[in-house]
Amino acid sequence: MITLRTAQLTEIFAHARQATPFECCGLIGGTSDRATSIHPLRNVAGNPQIAYEAAPEELFAAQKQMRESGEALLAIYHSHPRSTEPVPSETDVRLAYYPAAIYLIIGLGGAKPIMQGFRISERDKTWQQVEYAVADE
């Protein structure tokens, strides 16, 4: 389980809203299970309304910045702009290349954004929901 601060959650939701009607994407870095950095990335997917693909140069720069800061990749987030109950799509599972990361999916289809976390196995073609926490300590 990872822990985010309220300000980080607000930043992720703002990124998702700003990207609408397209999907947003980004990385979350941290130490142990506590998020310490948010890295919004540009979505360069061929059809960004139903898919995401991080701009390679931004992805590599974010990963380098995390390494230099002594952080690990804790989570990858993206949005499903029309979903009220976000779950991984077949494409999300097929392209889940970071099995150690938690995948956070933001649904923007309801009155308020909702975010759910998942462990996704691209190899096994499975996913399971996991909890995350928000705490400002």
C-alpha atoms as a PDB file:
ATOM      1  CA  MET A   1       0.000   0.000   0.000  1.00  0.00           C
ATOM      2  CA  ILE A   2       1.212   3.508  -0.727  1.00  0.00           C
ATOM      3  CA  THR A   3       0.398   6.694   1.121  1.00  0.00           C
ATOM      4  CA  LEU A   4      -0.230   9.989  -0.658  1.00  0.00           C
ATOM      5  CA  ARG A   5      -0.620  13.445   0.830  1.00  0.00           C
ATOM      6  CA  THR A   6      -3.834  15.362   0.169  1.00  0.00           C
ATOM      7  CA  ALA A   7      -1.929  17.902  -1.958  1.00  0.00           C
ATOM      8  CA  GLN A   8      -0.577  15.090  -4.145  1.00  0.00           C
ATOM      9  CA  LEU A   9      -4.045  13.629  -4.638  1.00  0.00           C
ATOM     10  CA  THR A  10      -5.315  17.109  -5.532  1.00  0.00           C
ATOM     11  CA  GLU A  11      -2.486  17.485  -8.079  1.00  0.00           C
ATOM     12  CA  ILE A  12      -3.308  14.128  -9.692  1.00  0.00           C
ATOM     13  CA  PHE A  13      -7.028  14.951  -9.899  1.00  0.00           C
ATOM     14  CA  ALA A  14      -6.225  18.383 -11.386  1.00  0.00           C
ATOM     15  CA  HIS A  15      -4.028  16.749 -14.032  1.00  0.00           C
ATOM     16  CA  ALA A  16      -6.832  14.308 -14.898  1.00  0.00           C
ATOM     17  CA  ARG A  17      -9.414  17.099 -15.194  1.00  0.00           C
ATOM     18  CA  GLN A  18      -7.094  19.276 -17.268  1.00  0.00           C
ATOM     19  CA  ALA A  19      -6.461  16.441 -19.739  1.00  0.00           C
ATOM     20  CA  THR A  20     -10.170  15.662 -20.249  1.00  0.00           C
ATOM     21  CA  PRO A  21     -11.544  14.500 -22.700  1.00  0.00           C
ATOM     22  CA  PHE A  22      -8.195  12.681 -23.051  1.00  0.00           C
ATOM     23  CA  GLU A  23      -6.617  10.268 -20.600  1.00  0.00           C
ATOM     24  CA  CYS A  24      -3.815  11.666 -18.475  1.00  0.00           C
ATOM     25  CA  CYS A  25      -0.811   9.718 -17.212  1.00  0.00           C
ATOM     26  CA  GLY A  26       2.001  10.144 -14.741  1.00  0.00           C
ATOM     27  CA  LEU A  27       4.404   8.538 -12.305  1.00  0.00           C
ATOM     28  CA  ILE A  28       4.581   8.633  -8.520  1.00  0.00           C
ATOM     29  CA  GLY A  29       7.959   8.303  -6.874  1.00  0.00           C
ATOM     30  CA  GLY A  30       8.769   7.717  -3.253  1.00  0.00           C
ATOM     31  CA  THR A  31      10.555   5.783  -0.599  1.00  0.00           C
ATOM     32  CA  SER A  32       9.204   2.630   0.960  1.00  0.00           C
ATOM     33  CA  ASP A  33       5.440   3.167   0.740  1.00  0.00           C
ATOM     34  CA  ARG A  34       5.242   6.970   0.994  1.00  0.00           C
ATOM     35  CA  ALA A  35       4.832   9.081  -2.156  1.00  0.00           C
ATOM     36  CA  THR A  36       7.277  11.968  -2.310  1.00  0.00           C
ATOM     37  CA  SER A  37       6.978  13.137  -5.923  1.00  0.00           C
ATOM     38  CA  ILE A  38       4.359  13.373  -8.656  1.00  0.00           C
ATOM     39  CA  HIS A  39       5.478  13.429 -12.292  1.00  0.00           C
ATOM     40  CA  PRO A  40       2.651  14.379 -14.695  1.00  0.00           C
ATOM     41  CA  LEU A  41       3.498  13.169 -18.203  1.00  0.00           C
ATOM     42  CA  ARG A  42       2.195  14.071 -21.631  1.00  0.00           C
ATOM     43  CA  ASN A  43      -0.064  11.460 -23.249  1.00  0.00           C
ATOM     44  CA  VAL A  44       1.118  10.783 -26.804  1.00  0.00           C
ATOM     45  CA  ALA A  45      -1.166   7.807 -27.543  1.00  0.00           C
ATOM     46  CA  GLY A  46      -2.585   7.579 -31.043  1.00  0.00           C
ATOM     47  CA  ASN A  47      -6.107   7.746 -29.598  1.00  0.00           C
ATOM     48  CA  PRO A  48      -5.710   9.570 -26.246  1.00  0.00           C
ATOM     49  CA  GLN A  49      -9.470   9.500 -25.557  1.00  0.00           C
ATOM     50  CA  ILE A  50      -9.264   5.756 -24.844  1.00  0.00           C
ATOM     51  CA  ALA A  51      -5.565   5.056 -24.219  1.00  0.00           C
ATOM     52  CA  TYR A  52      -2.427   6.482 -22.721  1.00  0.00           C
ATOM     53  CA  GLU A  53       1.222   6.356 -23.660  1.00  0.00           C
ATOM     54  CA  ALA A  54       3.690   8.542 -21.813  1.00  0.00           C
ATOM     55  CA  ALA A  55       5.933  10.737 -23.940  1.00  0.00           C
ATOM     56  CA  PRO A  56       9.187   8.709 -23.908  1.00  0.00           C
ATOM     57  CA  GLU A  57      11.476  11.662 -23.233  1.00  0.00           C
ATOM     58  CA  GLU A  58       9.319  12.757 -20.270  1.00  0.00           C
ATOM     59  CA  LEU A  59       9.084   9.184 -18.949  1.00  0.00           C
ATOM     60  CA  PHE A  60      12.866   8.743 -19.029  1.00  0.00           C
ATOM     61  CA  ALA A  61      13.455  12.186 -17.485  1.00  0.00           C
ATOM     62  CA  ALA A  62      11.037  11.417 -14.620  1.00  0.00           C
ATOM     63  CA  GLN A  63      12.680   8.044 -13.978  1.00  0.00           C
ATOM     64  CA  LYS A  64      16.125   9.674 -13.976  1.00  0.00           C
ATOM     65  CA  GLN A  65      14.959  12.375 -11.582  1.00  0.00           C
ATOM     66  CA  MET A  66      13.541   9.727  -9.217  1.00  0.00           C
ATOM     67  CA  ARG A  67      16.809   7.740  -9.291  1.00  0.00           C
ATOM     68  CA  GLU A  68      18.862  10.878  -8.597  1.00  0.00           C
ATOM     69  CA  SER A  69      16.559  11.692  -5.650  1.00  0.00           C
ATOM     70  CA  GLY A  70      16.861   8.184  -4.214  1.00  0.00           C
ATOM     71  CA  GLU A  71      13.228   7.416  -4.964  1.00  0.00           C
ATOM     72  CA  ALA A  72      11.665   4.273  -6.381  1.00  0.00           C
ATOM     73  CA  LEU A  73       8.759   4.105  -8.806  1.00  0.00           C
ATOM     74  CA  LEU A  74       5.813   3.437  -6.502  1.00  0.00           C
ATOM     75  CA  ALA A  75       2.861   3.954  -8.832  1.00  0.00           C
ATOM     76  CA  ILE A  76       1.707   4.816 -12.305  1.00  0.00           C
ATOM     77  CA  TYR A  77      -1.506   6.781 -12.644  1.00  0.00           C
ATOM     78  CA  HIS A  78      -3.830   7.450 -15.526  1.00  0.00           C
ATOM     79  CA  SER A  79      -7.426   8.507 -16.009  1.00  0.00           C
ATOM     80  CA  HIS A  80     -10.559   7.031 -17.512  1.00  0.00           C
ATOM     81  CA  PRO A  81     -12.421  10.288 -18.239  1.00  0.00           C
ATOM     82  CA  ARG A  82     -15.893   8.762 -18.630  1.00  0.00           C
ATOM     83  CA  SER A  83     -15.702   6.062 -15.938  1.00  0.00           C
ATOM     84  CA  THR A  84     -17.534   6.197 -12.611  1.00  0.00           C
ATOM     85  CA  GLU A  85     -15.920   2.976 -11.321  1.00  0.00           C
ATOM     86  CA  PRO A  86     -12.435   2.794 -12.856  1.00  0.00           C
ATOM     87  CA  VAL A  87     -10.941  -0.668 -13.373  1.00  0.00           C
ATOM     88  CA  PRO A  88      -8.105  -1.772 -15.664  1.00  0.00           C
ATOM     89  CA  SER A  89      -9.060  -2.172 -19.298  1.00  0.00           C
ATOM     90  CA  GLU A  90      -7.720  -5.014 -21.438  1.00  0.00           C
ATOM     91  CA  THR A  91      -5.212  -2.544 -22.863  1.00  0.00           C
ATOM     92  CA  ASP A  92      -4.163  -1.457 -19.352  1.00  0.00           C
ATOM     93  CA  VAL A  93      -3.449  -5.100 -18.466  1.00  0.00           C
ATOM     94  CA  ARG A  94      -1.666  -5.860 -21.731  1.00  0.00           C
ATOM     95  CA  LEU A  95       0.630  -2.836 -21.319  1.00  0.00           C
ATOM     96  CA  ALA A  96       1.337  -3.149 -17.568  1.00  0.00           C
ATOM     97  CA  TYR A  97       5.113  -3.398 -17.941  1.00  0.00           C
ATOM     98  CA  TYR A  98       5.964  -2.426 -14.341  1.00  0.00           C
ATOM     99  CA  PRO A  99       4.741  -5.315 -12.138  1.00  0.00           C
ATOM    100  CA  ALA A 100       6.218  -3.830  -8.946  1.00  0.00           C
ATOM    101  CA  ALA A 101       4.246  -0.585  -9.363  1.00  0.00           C
ATOM    102  CA  ILE A 102       0.731   0.071  -8.195  1.00  0.00           C
ATOM    103  CA  TYR A 103      -1.541   1.293 -10.980  1.00  0.00           C
ATOM    104  CA  LEU A 104      -3.882   4.093  -9.914  1.00  0.00           C
ATOM    105  CA  ILE A 105      -6.838   4.807 -12.189  1.00  0.00           C
ATOM    106  CA  ILE A 106      -8.882   7.991 -11.853  1.00  0.00           C
ATOM    107  CA  GLY A 107     -12.517   7.919 -12.946  1.00  0.00           C
ATOM    108  CA  LEU A 108     -14.014  11.289 -13.852  1.00  0.00           C
ATOM    109  CA  GLY A 109     -17.479  10.152 -14.967  1.00  0.00           C
ATOM    110  CA  GLY A 110     -19.259  10.948 -11.687  1.00  0.00           C
ATOM    111  CA  ALA A 111     -19.886  14.093  -9.698  1.00  0.00           C
ATOM    112  CA  LYS A 112     -16.487  13.706  -7.976  1.00  0.00           C
ATOM    113  CA  PRO A 113     -13.332  12.016  -9.207  1.00  0.00           C
ATOM    114  CA  ILE A 114     -12.676   8.559  -7.804  1.00  0.00           C
ATOM    115  CA  MET A 115      -9.311   6.813  -7.772  1.00  0.00           C
ATOM    116  CA  GLN A 116      -8.759   3.092  -7.329  1.00  0.00           C
ATOM    117  CA  GLY A 117      -5.497   1.178  -7.029  1.00  0.00           C
ATOM    118  CA  PHE A 118      -4.520  -2.103  -8.641  1.00  0.00           C
ATOM    119  CA  ARG A 119      -1.711  -4.610  -8.914  1.00  0.00           C
ATOM    120  CA  ILE A 120      -1.607  -5.683 -12.538  1.00  0.00           C
ATOM    121  CA  SER A 121       0.235  -8.678 -13.959  1.00  0.00           C
ATOM    122  CA  GLU A 122       0.806  -8.265 -17.674  1.00  0.00           C
ATOM    123  CA  ARG A 123       2.363 -11.746 -17.776  1.00  0.00           C
ATOM    124  CA  ASP A 124      -0.620 -13.464 -16.095  1.00  0.00           C
ATOM    125  CA  LYS A 125      -3.198 -11.098 -17.651  1.00  0.00           C
ATOM    126  CA  THR A 126      -4.760 -10.479 -14.218  1.00  0.00           C
ATOM    127  CA  TRP A 127      -5.355  -7.629 -11.816  1.00  0.00           C
ATOM    128  CA  GLN A 128      -6.481  -7.208  -8.247  1.00  0.00           C
ATOM    129  CA  GLN A 129      -7.621  -4.135  -6.407  1.00  0.00           C
ATOM    130  CA  VAL A 130      -5.333  -2.755  -3.692  1.00  0.00           C
ATOM    131  CA  GLU A 131      -5.802  -0.036  -1.121  1.00  0.00           C
ATOM    132  CA  TYR A 132      -3.947   3.258  -0.911  1.00  0.00           C
ATOM    133  CA  ALA A 133      -4.002   5.823   1.879  1.00  0.00           C
ATOM    134  CA  VAL A 134      -4.144   9.612   2.069  1.00  0.00           C
ATOM    135  CA  ALA A 135      -2.471  11.076   5.136  1.00  0.00           C
ATOM    136  CA  ASP A 136      -0.863  14.425   5.918  1.00  0.00           C
ATOM    137  CA  GLU A 137       1.502  13.507   8.730  1.00  0.00           C
END
